[in-house]
Amino acid sequence: MIWATLQELLIQLYPYLEQPTSTMWLSIPMDTQLAVAMFKLATPTSLHHVGHPFGLGKLITKKAILEVCGTLQDMLGHTVLRVHDLLEVMMEFCTLGFPSVIVNH
């Protein structure tokens, strides 16, 4: 992801990401929360590995990821995440050999 994309997401999410009054959250800027969430979504690694470069513990990392992902889903899901034909997508997963995808005809 390029910096411009991260900045565009931050601009779109900024009105929806709430800053709790807890002192724990006051030191974590929203751009860091977004970067942590994007890092976790891009890599199949532990919370410790994701949070370490940002100086965050596992609990704070998890909370940042959940808050950003929840906001992405709630506020931007209709514009970013689109499945035009769910049956077609499910059939494609089946042809790729994913047995856990069940298609009801």
PDB file of N, CA and C in Angstrom:
ATOM      1  N   MET A   1       0.853  -1.169   0.000  1.00  0.00           N
ATOM      2  CA  MET A   1       0.000   0.000   0.000  1.00  0.00           C
ATOM      3  C   MET A   1       0.897   1.228   0.000  1.00  0.00           C
ATOM      4  N   ILE A   2       0.572   2.158  -0.855  1.00  0.00           N
ATOM      5  CA  ILE A   2       1.365   3.373  -0.923  1.00  0.00           C
ATOM      6  C   ILE A   2       0.856   4.390   0.101  1.00  0.00           C
ATOM      7  N   TRP A   3       1.700   5.372   0.403  1.00  0.00           N
ATOM      8  CA  TRP A   3       1.375   6.365   1.431  1.00  0.00           C
ATOM      9  C   TRP A   3       0.100   7.126   1.092  1.00  0.00           C
ATOM     10  N   ALA A   4      -0.107   7.441  -0.187  1.00  0.00           N
ATOM     11  CA  ALA A   4      -1.295   8.198  -0.585  1.00  0.00           C
ATOM     12  C   ALA A   4      -2.576   7.423  -0.281  1.00  0.00           C
ATOM     13  N   THR A   5      -2.550   6.112  -0.469  1.00  0.00           N
ATOM     14  CA  THR A   5      -3.717   5.274  -0.176  1.00  0.00           C
ATOM     15  C   THR A   5      -3.999   5.269   1.320  1.00  0.00           C
ATOM     16  N   LEU A   6      -2.951   5.159   2.111  1.00  0.00           N
ATOM     17  CA  LEU A   6      -3.109   5.193   3.567  1.00  0.00           C
ATOM     18  C   LEU A   6      -3.693   6.533   4.009  1.00  0.00           C
ATOM     19  N   GLN A   7      -3.222   7.613   3.433  1.00  0.00           N
ATOM     20  CA  GLN A   7      -3.739   8.940   3.771  1.00  0.00           C
ATOM     21  C   GLN A   7      -5.201   9.093   3.362  1.00  0.00           C
ATOM     22  N   GLU A   8      -5.575   8.567   2.194  1.00  0.00           N
ATOM     23  CA  GLU A   8      -6.968   8.643   1.736  1.00  0.00           C
ATOM     24  C   GLU A   8      -7.883   7.863   2.680  1.00  0.00           C
ATOM     25  N   LEU A   9      -7.459   6.677   3.089  1.00  0.00           N
ATOM     26  CA  LEU A   9      -8.245   5.903   4.060  1.00  0.00           C
ATOM     27  C   LEU A   9      -8.381   6.662   5.372  1.00  0.00           C
ATOM     28  N   LEU A  10      -7.309   7.273   5.814  1.00  0.00           N
ATOM     29  CA  LEU A  10      -7.344   8.023   7.063  1.00  0.00           C
ATOM     30  C   LEU A  10      -8.331   9.187   6.972  1.00  0.00           C
ATOM     31  N   ILE A  11      -8.343   9.882   5.859  1.00  0.00           N
ATOM     32  CA  ILE A  11      -9.278  10.995   5.666  1.00  0.00           C
ATOM     33  C   ILE A  11     -10.721  10.499   5.712  1.00  0.00           C
ATOM     34  N   GLN A  12     -10.979   9.348   5.077  1.00  0.00           N
ATOM     35  CA  GLN A  12     -12.339   8.807   5.059  1.00  0.00           C
ATOM     36  C   GLN A  12     -12.766   8.264   6.413  1.00  0.00           C
ATOM     37  N   LEU A  13     -11.826   7.681   7.157  1.00  0.00           N
ATOM     38  CA  LEU A  13     -12.159   7.065   8.447  1.00  0.00           C
ATOM     39  C   LEU A  13     -12.132   8.054   9.612  1.00  0.00           C
ATOM     40  N   TYR A  14     -11.428   9.156   9.457  1.00  0.00           N
ATOM     41  CA  TYR A  14     -11.219  10.093  10.562  1.00  0.00           C
ATOM     42  C   TYR A  14     -12.506  10.499  11.284  1.00  0.00           C
ATOM     43  N   PRO A  15     -13.588  10.837  10.560  1.00  0.00           N
ATOM     44  CA  PRO A  15     -14.803  11.237  11.280  1.00  0.00           C
ATOM     45  C   PRO A  15     -15.436  10.103  12.085  1.00  0.00           C
ATOM     46  N   TYR A  16     -15.126   8.865  11.751  1.00  0.00           N
ATOM     47  CA  TYR A  16     -15.783   7.727  12.395  1.00  0.00           C
ATOM     48  C   TYR A  16     -14.953   7.079  13.496  1.00  0.00           C
ATOM     49  N   LEU A  17     -13.643   7.250  13.440  1.00  0.00           N
ATOM     50  CA  LEU A  17     -12.803   6.669  14.486  1.00  0.00           C
ATOM     51  C   LEU A  17     -12.893   7.542  15.724  1.00  0.00           C
ATOM     52  N   GLU A  18     -13.376   6.965  16.783  1.00  0.00           N
ATOM     53  CA  GLU A  18     -13.538   7.720  18.022  1.00  0.00           C
ATOM     54  C   GLU A  18     -12.288   7.586  18.866  1.00  0.00           C
ATOM     55  N   GLN A  19     -11.914   8.659  19.491  1.00  0.00           N
ATOM     56  CA  GLN A  19     -10.793   8.643  20.412  1.00  0.00           C
ATOM     57  C   GLN A  19     -11.339   8.532  21.836  1.00  0.00           C
ATOM     58  N   PRO A  20     -11.247   7.348  22.431  1.00  0.00           N
ATOM     59  CA  PRO A  20     -11.691   7.226  23.821  1.00  0.00           C
ATOM     60  C   PRO A  20     -10.885   8.148  24.739  1.00  0.00           C
ATOM     61  N   THR A  21     -11.466   8.484  25.868  1.00  0.00           N
ATOM     62  CA  THR A  21     -10.802   9.392  26.801  1.00  0.00           C
ATOM     63  C   THR A  21      -9.757   8.691  27.653  1.00  0.00           C
ATOM     64  N   SER A  22      -9.589   7.408  27.495  1.00  0.00           N
ATOM     65  CA  SER A  22      -8.594   6.670  28.252  1.00  0.00           C
ATOM     66  C   SER A  22      -7.193   7.192  27.938  1.00  0.00           C
ATOM     67  N   THR A  23      -6.340   7.273  28.953  1.00  0.00           N
ATOM     68  CA  THR A  23      -4.967   7.724  28.725  1.00  0.00           C
ATOM     69  C   THR A  23      -4.204   6.735  27.852  1.00  0.00           C
ATOM     70  N   MET A  24      -4.650   5.493  27.839  1.00  0.00           N
ATOM     71  CA  MET A  24      -4.003   4.474  27.029  1.00  0.00           C
ATOM     72  C   MET A  24      -4.108   4.839  25.547  1.00  0.00           C
ATOM     73  N   TRP A  25      -5.242   5.376  25.122  1.00  0.00           N
ATOM     74  CA  TRP A  25      -5.469   5.674  23.710  1.00  0.00           C
ATOM     75  C   TRP A  25      -4.957   7.046  23.298  1.00  0.00           C
ATOM     76  N   LEU A  26      -4.780   7.947  24.234  1.00  0.00           N
ATOM     77  CA  LEU A  26      -4.406   9.306  23.873  1.00  0.00           C
ATOM     78  C   LEU A  26      -3.051   9.376  23.177  1.00  0.00           C
ATOM     79  N   SER A  27      -2.167   8.448  23.461  1.00  0.00           N
ATOM     80  CA  SER A  27      -0.832   8.493  22.883  1.00  0.00           C
ATOM     81  C   SER A  27      -0.746   7.803  21.517  1.00  0.00           C
ATOM     82  N   ILE A  28      -1.829   7.205  21.033  1.00  0.00           N
ATOM     83  CA  ILE A  28      -1.802   6.493  19.755  1.00  0.00           C
ATOM     84  C   ILE A  28      -2.558   7.308  18.707  1.00  0.00           C
ATOM     85  N   PRO A  29      -1.821   7.924  17.795  1.00  0.00           N
ATOM     86  CA  PRO A  29      -2.491   8.693  16.732  1.00  0.00           C
ATOM     87  C   PRO A  29      -3.302   7.781  15.822  1.00  0.00           C
ATOM     88  N   MET A  30      -4.315   8.355  15.182  1.00  0.00           N
ATOM     89  CA  MET A  30      -5.177   7.568  14.309  1.00  0.00           C
ATOM     90  C   MET A  30      -4.420   6.995  13.116  1.00  0.00           C
ATOM     91  N   ASP A  31      -3.412   7.716  12.616  1.00  0.00           N
ATOM     92  CA  ASP A  31      -2.654   7.169  11.497  1.00  0.00           C
ATOM     93  C   ASP A  31      -1.865   5.932  11.908  1.00  0.00           C
ATOM     94  N   THR A  32      -1.416   5.901  13.169  1.00  0.00           N
ATOM     95  CA  THR A  32      -0.727   4.710  13.670  1.00  0.00           C
ATOM     96  C   THR A  32      -1.706   3.555  13.810  1.00  0.00           C
ATOM     97  N   GLN A  33      -2.908   3.827  14.307  1.00  0.00           N
ATOM     98  CA  GLN A  33      -3.916   2.771  14.418  1.00  0.00           C
ATOM     99  C   GLN A  33      -4.227   2.179  13.042  1.00  0.00           C
ATOM    100  N   LEU A  34      -4.375   3.045  12.053  1.00  0.00           N
ATOM    101  CA  LEU A  34      -4.663   2.574  10.699  1.00  0.00           C
ATOM    102  C   LEU A  34      -3.492   1.782  10.143  1.00  0.00           C
ATOM    103  N   ALA A  35      -2.265   2.256  10.352  1.00  0.00           N
ATOM    104  CA  ALA A  35      -1.086   1.545   9.864  1.00  0.00           C
ATOM    105  C   ALA A  35      -0.963   0.164  10.505  1.00  0.00           C
ATOM    106  N   VAL A  36      -1.232   0.082  11.802  1.00  0.00           N
ATOM    107  CA  VAL A  36      -1.185  -1.204  12.507  1.00  0.00           C
ATOM    108  C   VAL A  36      -2.217  -2.167  11.923  1.00  0.00           C
ATOM    109  N   ALA A  37      -3.427  -1.686  11.707  1.00  0.00           N
ATOM    110  CA  ALA A  37      -4.490  -2.534  11.155  1.00  0.00           C
ATOM    111  C   ALA A  37      -4.147  -3.008   9.743  1.00  0.00           C
ATOM    112  N   MET A  38      -3.634  -2.113   8.909  1.00  0.00           N
ATOM    113  CA  MET A  38      -3.275  -2.487   7.539  1.00  0.00           C
ATOM    114  C   MET A  38      -2.119  -3.490   7.534  1.00  0.00           C
ATOM    115  N   PHE A  39      -1.155  -3.309   8.445  1.00  0.00           N
ATOM    116  CA  PHE A  39      -0.034  -4.238   8.567  1.00  0.00           C
ATOM    117  C   PHE A  39      -0.541  -5.628   8.941  1.00  0.00           C
ATOM    118  N   LYS A  40      -1.461  -5.690   9.894  1.00  0.00           N
ATOM    119  CA  LYS A  40      -2.007  -6.984  10.318  1.00  0.00           C
ATOM    120  C   LYS A  40      -2.808  -7.638   9.200  1.00  0.00           C
ATOM    121  N   LEU A  41      -3.604  -6.851   8.468  1.00  0.00           N
ATOM    122  CA  LEU A  41      -4.388  -7.407   7.371  1.00  0.00           C
ATOM    123  C   LEU A  41      -3.495  -7.916   6.237  1.00  0.00           C
ATOM    124  N   ALA A  42      -2.327  -7.312   6.078  1.00  0.00           N
ATOM    125  CA  ALA A  42      -1.434  -7.681   4.977  1.00  0.00           C
ATOM    126  C   ALA A  42      -0.513  -8.840   5.311  1.00  0.00           C
ATOM    127  N   THR A  43      -0.323  -9.125   6.594  1.00  0.00           N
ATOM    128  CA  THR A  43       0.630 -10.167   6.973  1.00  0.00           C
ATOM    129  C   THR A  43      -0.001 -11.151   7.952  1.00  0.00           C
ATOM    130  N   PRO A  44       0.216 -12.441   7.726  1.00  0.00           N
ATOM    131  CA  PRO A  44      -0.305 -13.453   8.661  1.00  0.00           C
ATOM    132  C   PRO A  44       0.664 -13.666   9.819  1.00  0.00           C
ATOM    133  N   THR A  45       0.720 -12.718  10.714  1.00  0.00           N
ATOM    134  CA  THR A  45       1.681 -12.776  11.800  1.00  0.00           C
ATOM    135  C   THR A  45       1.013 -12.440  13.133  1.00  0.00           C
ATOM    136  N   SER A  46       1.754 -12.575  14.202  1.00  0.00           N
ATOM    137  CA  SER A  46       1.208 -12.380  15.542  1.00  0.00           C
ATOM    138  C   SER A  46       0.991 -10.903  15.859  1.00  0.00           C
ATOM    139  N   LEU A  47       0.178 -10.659  16.863  1.00  0.00           N
ATOM    140  CA  LEU A  47      -0.067  -9.293  17.324  1.00  0.00           C
ATOM    141  C   LEU A  47       1.211  -8.665  17.858  1.00  0.00           C
ATOM    142  N   HIS A  48       2.045  -9.472  18.498  1.00  0.00           N
ATOM    143  CA  HIS A  48       3.315  -8.961  19.018  1.00  0.00           C
ATOM    144  C   HIS A  48       4.194  -8.465  17.871  1.00  0.00           C
ATOM    145  N   HIS A  49       4.279  -9.245  16.809  1.00  0.00           N
ATOM    146  CA  HIS A  49       5.099  -8.875  15.652  1.00  0.00           C
ATOM    147  C   HIS A  49       4.557  -7.618  14.973  1.00  0.00           C
ATOM    148  N   VAL A  50       3.245  -7.466  14.914  1.00  0.00           N
ATOM    149  CA  VAL A  50       2.629  -6.299  14.287  1.00  0.00           C
ATOM    150  C   VAL A  50       2.831  -5.052  15.143  1.00  0.00           C
ATOM    151  N   GLY A  51       2.622  -5.158  16.433  1.00  0.00           N
ATOM    152  CA  GLY A  51       2.696  -4.003  17.310  1.00  0.00           C
ATOM    153  C   GLY A  51       4.103  -3.540  17.650  1.00  0.00           C
ATOM    154  N   HIS A  52       5.064  -4.449  17.610  1.00  0.00           N
ATOM    155  CA  HIS A  52       6.436  -4.136  18.021  1.00  0.00           C
ATOM    156  C   HIS A  52       7.055  -2.955  17.258  1.00  0.00           C
ATOM    157  N   PRO A  53       6.970  -2.893  15.919  1.00  0.00           N
ATOM    158  CA  PRO A  53       7.566  -1.747  15.211  1.00  0.00           C
ATOM    159  C   PRO A  53       6.946  -0.393  15.586  1.00  0.00           C
ATOM    160  N   PHE A  54       5.729  -0.424  16.119  1.00  0.00           N
ATOM    161  CA  PHE A  54       5.035   0.804  16.505  1.00  0.00           C
ATOM    162  C   PHE A  54       5.159   1.081  18.004  1.00  0.00           C
ATOM    163  N   GLY A  55       5.847   0.195  18.708  1.00  0.00           N
ATOM    164  CA  GLY A  55       6.013   0.364  20.146  1.00  0.00           C
ATOM    165  C   GLY A  55       4.757   0.055  20.933  1.00  0.00           C
ATOM    166  N   LEU A  56       3.907  -0.849  20.414  1.00  0.00           N
ATOM    167  CA  LEU A  56       2.640  -1.189  21.057  1.00  0.00           C
ATOM    168  C   LEU A  56       2.659  -2.618  21.570  1.00  0.00           C
ATOM    169  N   GLY A  57       1.965  -2.838  22.687  1.00  0.00           N
ATOM    170  CA  GLY A  57       1.786  -4.179  23.206  1.00  0.00           C
ATOM    171  C   GLY A  57       0.678  -4.900  22.451  1.00  0.00           C
ATOM    172  N   LYS A  58       0.523  -6.182  22.767  1.00  0.00           N
ATOM    173  CA  LYS A  58      -0.470  -7.004  22.064  1.00  0.00           C
ATOM    174  C   LYS A  58      -1.898  -6.512  22.284  1.00  0.00           C
ATOM    175  N   LEU A  59      -2.241  -6.131  23.502  1.00  0.00           N
ATOM    176  CA  LEU A  59      -3.608  -5.703  23.799  1.00  0.00           C
ATOM    177  C   LEU A  59      -3.971  -4.421  23.048  1.00  0.00           C
ATOM    178  N   ILE A  60      -3.086  -3.449  23.070  1.00  0.00           N
ATOM    179  CA  ILE A  60      -3.344  -2.191  22.377  1.00  0.00           C
ATOM    180  C   ILE A  60      -3.398  -2.432  20.866  1.00  0.00           C
ATOM    181  N   THR A  61      -2.515  -3.284  20.373  1.00  0.00           N
ATOM    182  CA  THR A  61      -2.511  -3.624  18.950  1.00  0.00           C
ATOM    183  C   THR A  61      -3.839  -4.244  18.553  1.00  0.00           C
ATOM    184  N   LYS A  62      -4.319  -5.181  19.366  1.00  0.00           N
ATOM    185  CA  LYS A  62      -5.592  -5.841  19.078  1.00  0.00           C
ATOM    186  C   LYS A  62      -6.744  -4.836  19.073  1.00  0.00           C
ATOM    187  N   LYS A  63      -6.777  -3.949  20.057  1.00  0.00           N
ATOM    188  CA  LYS A  63      -7.850  -2.958  20.130  1.00  0.00           C
ATOM    189  C   LYS A  63      -7.827  -2.024  18.925  1.00  0.00           C
ATOM    190  N   ALA A  64      -6.639  -1.613  18.511  1.00  0.00           N
ATOM    191  CA  ALA A  64      -6.529  -0.729  17.344  1.00  0.00           C
ATOM    192  C   ALA A  64      -7.018  -1.439  16.084  1.00  0.00           C
ATOM    193  N   ILE A  65      -6.639  -2.691  15.919  1.00  0.00           N
ATOM    194  CA  ILE A  65      -7.059  -3.464  14.744  1.00  0.00           C
ATOM    195  C   ILE A  65      -8.568  -3.645  14.730  1.00  0.00           C
ATOM    196  N   LEU A  66      -9.140  -4.013  15.859  1.00  0.00           N
ATOM    197  CA  LEU A  66     -10.591  -4.213  15.924  1.00  0.00           C
ATOM    198  C   LEU A  66     -11.354  -2.918  15.664  1.00  0.00           C
ATOM    199  N   GLU A  67     -10.862  -1.820  16.201  1.00  0.00           N
ATOM    200  CA  GLU A  67     -11.559  -0.546  16.004  1.00  0.00           C
ATOM    201  C   GLU A  67     -11.499  -0.109  14.534  1.00  0.00           C
ATOM    202  N   VAL A  68     -10.325  -0.195  13.932  1.00  0.00           N
ATOM    203  CA  VAL A  68     -10.177   0.231  12.538  1.00  0.00           C
ATOM    204  C   VAL A  68     -10.959  -0.698  11.609  1.00  0.00           C
ATOM    205  N   CYS A  69     -10.838  -2.007  11.808  1.00  0.00           N
ATOM    206  CA  CYS A  69     -11.548  -2.951  10.935  1.00  0.00           C
ATOM    207  C   CYS A  69     -13.064  -2.828  11.093  1.00  0.00           C
ATOM    208  N   GLY A  70     -13.527  -2.625  12.311  1.00  0.00           N
ATOM    209  CA  GLY A  70     -14.958  -2.429  12.530  1.00  0.00           C
ATOM    210  C   GLY A  70     -15.457  -1.176  11.841  1.00  0.00           C
ATOM    211  N   THR A  71     -14.661  -0.119  11.905  1.00  0.00           N
ATOM    212  CA  THR A  71     -15.032   1.131  11.244  1.00  0.00           C
ATOM    213  C   THR A  71     -15.012   0.970   9.733  1.00  0.00           C
ATOM    214  N   LEU A  72     -13.993   0.274   9.211  1.00  0.00           N
ATOM    215  CA  LEU A  72     -13.952   0.003   7.772  1.00  0.00           C
ATOM    216  C   LEU A  72     -15.196  -0.738   7.324  1.00  0.00           C
ATOM    217  N   GLN A  73     -15.565  -1.751   8.071  1.00  0.00           N
ATOM    218  CA  GLN A  73     -16.729  -2.560   7.715  1.00  0.00           C
ATOM    219  C   GLN A  73     -18.021  -1.748   7.815  1.00  0.00           C
ATOM    220  N   ASP A  74     -18.191  -1.011   8.897  1.00  0.00           N
ATOM    221  CA  ASP A  74     -19.435  -0.275   9.119  1.00  0.00           C
ATOM    222  C   ASP A  74     -19.606   0.933   8.205  1.00  0.00           C
ATOM    223  N   MET A  75     -18.557   1.703   8.024  1.00  0.00           N
ATOM    224  CA  MET A  75     -18.682   2.978   7.329  1.00  0.00           C
ATOM    225  C   MET A  75     -18.292   2.945   5.856  1.00  0.00           C
ATOM    226  N   LEU A  76     -17.332   2.105   5.499  1.00  0.00           N
ATOM    227  CA  LEU A  76     -16.858   2.109   4.124  1.00  0.00           C
ATOM    228  C   LEU A  76     -17.125   0.799   3.390  1.00  0.00           C
ATOM    229  N   GLY A  77     -17.695  -0.155   4.066  1.00  0.00           N
ATOM    230  CA  GLY A  77     -17.920  -1.464   3.459  1.00  0.00           C
ATOM    231  C   GLY A  77     -18.746  -1.424   2.200  1.00  0.00           C
ATOM    232  N   HIS A  78     -19.729  -0.563   2.154  1.00  0.00           N
ATOM    233  CA  HIS A  78     -20.590  -0.486   0.976  1.00  0.00           C
ATOM    234  C   HIS A  78     -19.874   0.133  -0.222  1.00  0.00           C
ATOM    235  N   THR A  79     -18.804   0.876   0.010  1.00  0.00           N
ATOM    236  CA  THR A  79     -18.091   1.496  -1.097  1.00  0.00           C
ATOM    237  C   THR A  79     -16.842   0.735  -1.515  1.00  0.00           C
ATOM    238  N   VAL A  80     -16.265  -0.003  -0.585  1.00  0.00           N
ATOM    239  CA  VAL A  80     -15.001  -0.683  -0.866  1.00  0.00           C
ATOM    240  C   VAL A  80     -15.207  -2.172  -1.113  1.00  0.00           C
ATOM    241  N   LEU A  81     -16.011  -2.796  -0.274  1.00  0.00           N
ATOM    242  CA  LEU A  81     -16.203  -4.238  -0.345  1.00  0.00           C
ATOM    243  C   LEU A  81     -17.492  -4.556  -1.083  1.00  0.00           C
ATOM    244  N   ARG A  82     -17.345  -5.012  -2.308  1.00  0.00           N
ATOM    245  CA  ARG A  82     -18.521  -5.321  -3.099  1.00  0.00           C
ATOM    246  C   ARG A  82     -18.423  -6.726  -3.667  1.00  0.00           C
ATOM    247  N   VAL A  83     -19.470  -7.489  -3.482  1.00  0.00           N
ATOM    248  CA  VAL A  83     -19.601  -8.790  -4.105  1.00  0.00           C
ATOM    249  C   VAL A  83     -20.815  -8.690  -5.003  1.00  0.00           C
ATOM    250  N   HIS A  84     -20.561  -8.648  -6.295  1.00  0.00           N
ATOM    251  CA  HIS A  84     -21.657  -8.432  -7.230  1.00  0.00           C
ATOM    252  C   HIS A  84     -22.544  -9.665  -7.355  1.00  0.00           C
ATOM    253  N   ASP A  85     -21.930 -10.826  -7.438  1.00  0.00           N
ATOM    254  CA  ASP A  85     -22.699 -12.062  -7.564  1.00  0.00           C
ATOM    255  C   ASP A  85     -22.118 -13.074  -6.585  1.00  0.00           C
ATOM    256  N   LEU A  86     -22.750 -13.189  -5.431  1.00  0.00           N
ATOM    257  CA  LEU A  86     -22.245 -14.045  -4.369  1.00  0.00           C
ATOM    258  C   LEU A  86     -22.122 -15.494  -4.810  1.00  0.00           C
ATOM    259  N   LEU A  87     -23.108 -16.003  -5.554  1.00  0.00           N
ATOM    260  CA  LEU A  87     -23.058 -17.380  -6.025  1.00  0.00           C
ATOM    261  C   LEU A  87     -21.853 -17.605  -6.932  1.00  0.00           C
ATOM    262  N   GLU A  88     -21.574 -16.664  -7.795  1.00  0.00           N
ATOM    263  CA  GLU A  88     -20.420 -16.781  -8.697  1.00  0.00           C
ATOM    264  C   GLU A  88     -19.113 -16.818  -7.903  1.00  0.00           C
ATOM    265  N   VAL A  89     -19.003 -15.971  -6.888  1.00  0.00           N
ATOM    266  CA  VAL A  89     -17.797 -15.947  -6.050  1.00  0.00           C
ATOM    267  C   VAL A  89     -17.642 -17.272  -5.310  1.00  0.00           C
ATOM    268  N   MET A  90     -18.733 -17.790  -4.752  1.00  0.00           N
ATOM    269  CA  MET A  90     -18.680 -19.062  -4.032  1.00  0.00           C
ATOM    270  C   MET A  90     -18.309 -20.209  -4.967  1.00  0.00           C
ATOM    271  N   MET A  91     -18.825 -20.219  -6.172  1.00  0.00           N
ATOM    272  CA  MET A  91     -18.489 -21.261  -7.147  1.00  0.00           C
ATOM    273  C   MET A  91     -17.002 -21.190  -7.516  1.00  0.00           C
ATOM    274  N   GLU A  92     -16.478 -19.992  -7.650  1.00  0.00           N
ATOM    275  CA  GLU A  92     -15.063 -19.835  -7.978  1.00  0.00           C
ATOM    276  C   GLU A  92     -14.182 -20.388  -6.864  1.00  0.00           C
ATOM    277  N   PHE A  93     -14.551 -20.146  -5.604  1.00  0.00           N
ATOM    278  CA  PHE A  93     -13.805 -20.722  -4.489  1.00  0.00           C
ATOM    279  C   PHE A  93     -13.856 -22.239  -4.525  1.00  0.00           C
ATOM    280  N   CYS A  94     -14.998 -22.800  -4.867  1.00  0.00           N
ATOM    281  CA  CYS A  94     -15.120 -24.256  -4.971  1.00  0.00           C
ATOM    282  C   CYS A  94     -14.216 -24.805  -6.067  1.00  0.00           C
ATOM    283  N   THR A  95     -14.147 -24.132  -7.203  1.00  0.00           N
ATOM    284  CA  THR A  95     -13.290 -24.604  -8.288  1.00  0.00           C
ATOM    285  C   THR A  95     -11.815 -24.476  -7.940  1.00  0.00           C
ATOM    286  N   LEU A  96     -11.486 -23.581  -7.030  1.00  0.00           N
ATOM    287  CA  LEU A  96     -10.099 -23.433  -6.588  1.00  0.00           C
ATOM    288  C   LEU A  96      -9.710 -24.473  -5.541  1.00  0.00           C
ATOM    289  N   GLY A  97     -10.680 -25.287  -5.118  1.00  0.00           N
ATOM    290  CA  GLY A  97     -10.379 -26.370  -4.192  1.00  0.00           C
ATOM    291  C   GLY A  97     -10.544 -26.045  -2.723  1.00  0.00           C
ATOM    292  N   PHE A  98     -11.377 -25.070  -2.408  1.00  0.00           N
ATOM    293  CA  PHE A  98     -11.657 -24.764  -1.010  1.00  0.00           C
ATOM    294  C   PHE A  98     -12.923 -25.504  -0.600  1.00  0.00           C
ATOM    295  N   PRO A  99     -12.779 -26.650   0.092  1.00  0.00           N
ATOM    296  CA  PRO A  99     -13.929 -27.494   0.416  1.00  0.00           C
ATOM    297  C   PRO A  99     -14.881 -26.904   1.462  1.00  0.00           C
ATOM    298  N   SER A 100     -14.444 -25.891   2.203  1.00  0.00           N
ATOM    299  CA  SER A 100     -15.303 -25.342   3.253  1.00  0.00           C
ATOM    300  C   SER A 100     -16.344 -24.375   2.707  1.00  0.00           C
ATOM    301  N   VAL A 101     -16.258 -24.034   1.415  1.00  0.00           N
ATOM    302  CA  VAL A 101     -17.254 -23.174   0.809  1.00  0.00           C
ATOM    303  C   VAL A 101     -18.402 -24.056   0.307  1.00  0.00           C
ATOM    304  N   ILE A 102     -19.578 -23.837   0.882  1.00  0.00           N
ATOM    305  CA  ILE A 102     -20.748 -24.649   0.525  1.00  0.00           C
ATOM    306  C   ILE A 102     -21.660 -23.834  -0.347  1.00  0.00           C
ATOM    307  N   VAL A 103     -22.014 -24.391  -1.480  1.00  0.00           N
ATOM    308  CA  VAL A 103     -22.905 -23.709  -2.408  1.00  0.00           C
ATOM    309  C   VAL A 103     -24.234 -24.429  -2.420  1.00  0.00           C
ATOM    310  N   ASN A 104     -25.298 -23.731  -2.060  1.00  0.00           N
ATOM    311  CA  ASN A 104     -26.647 -24.304  -2.124  1.00  0.00           C
ATOM    312  C   ASN A 104     -27.273 -23.896  -3.451  1.00  0.00           C
ATOM    313  N   HIS A 105     -27.716 -24.882  -4.196  1.00  0.00           N
ATOM    314  CA  HIS A 105     -28.366 -24.578  -5.473  1.00  0.00           C
ATOM    315  C   HIS A 105     -29.866 -24.603  -5.301  1.00  0.00           C
TER     316      HIS A 105
END
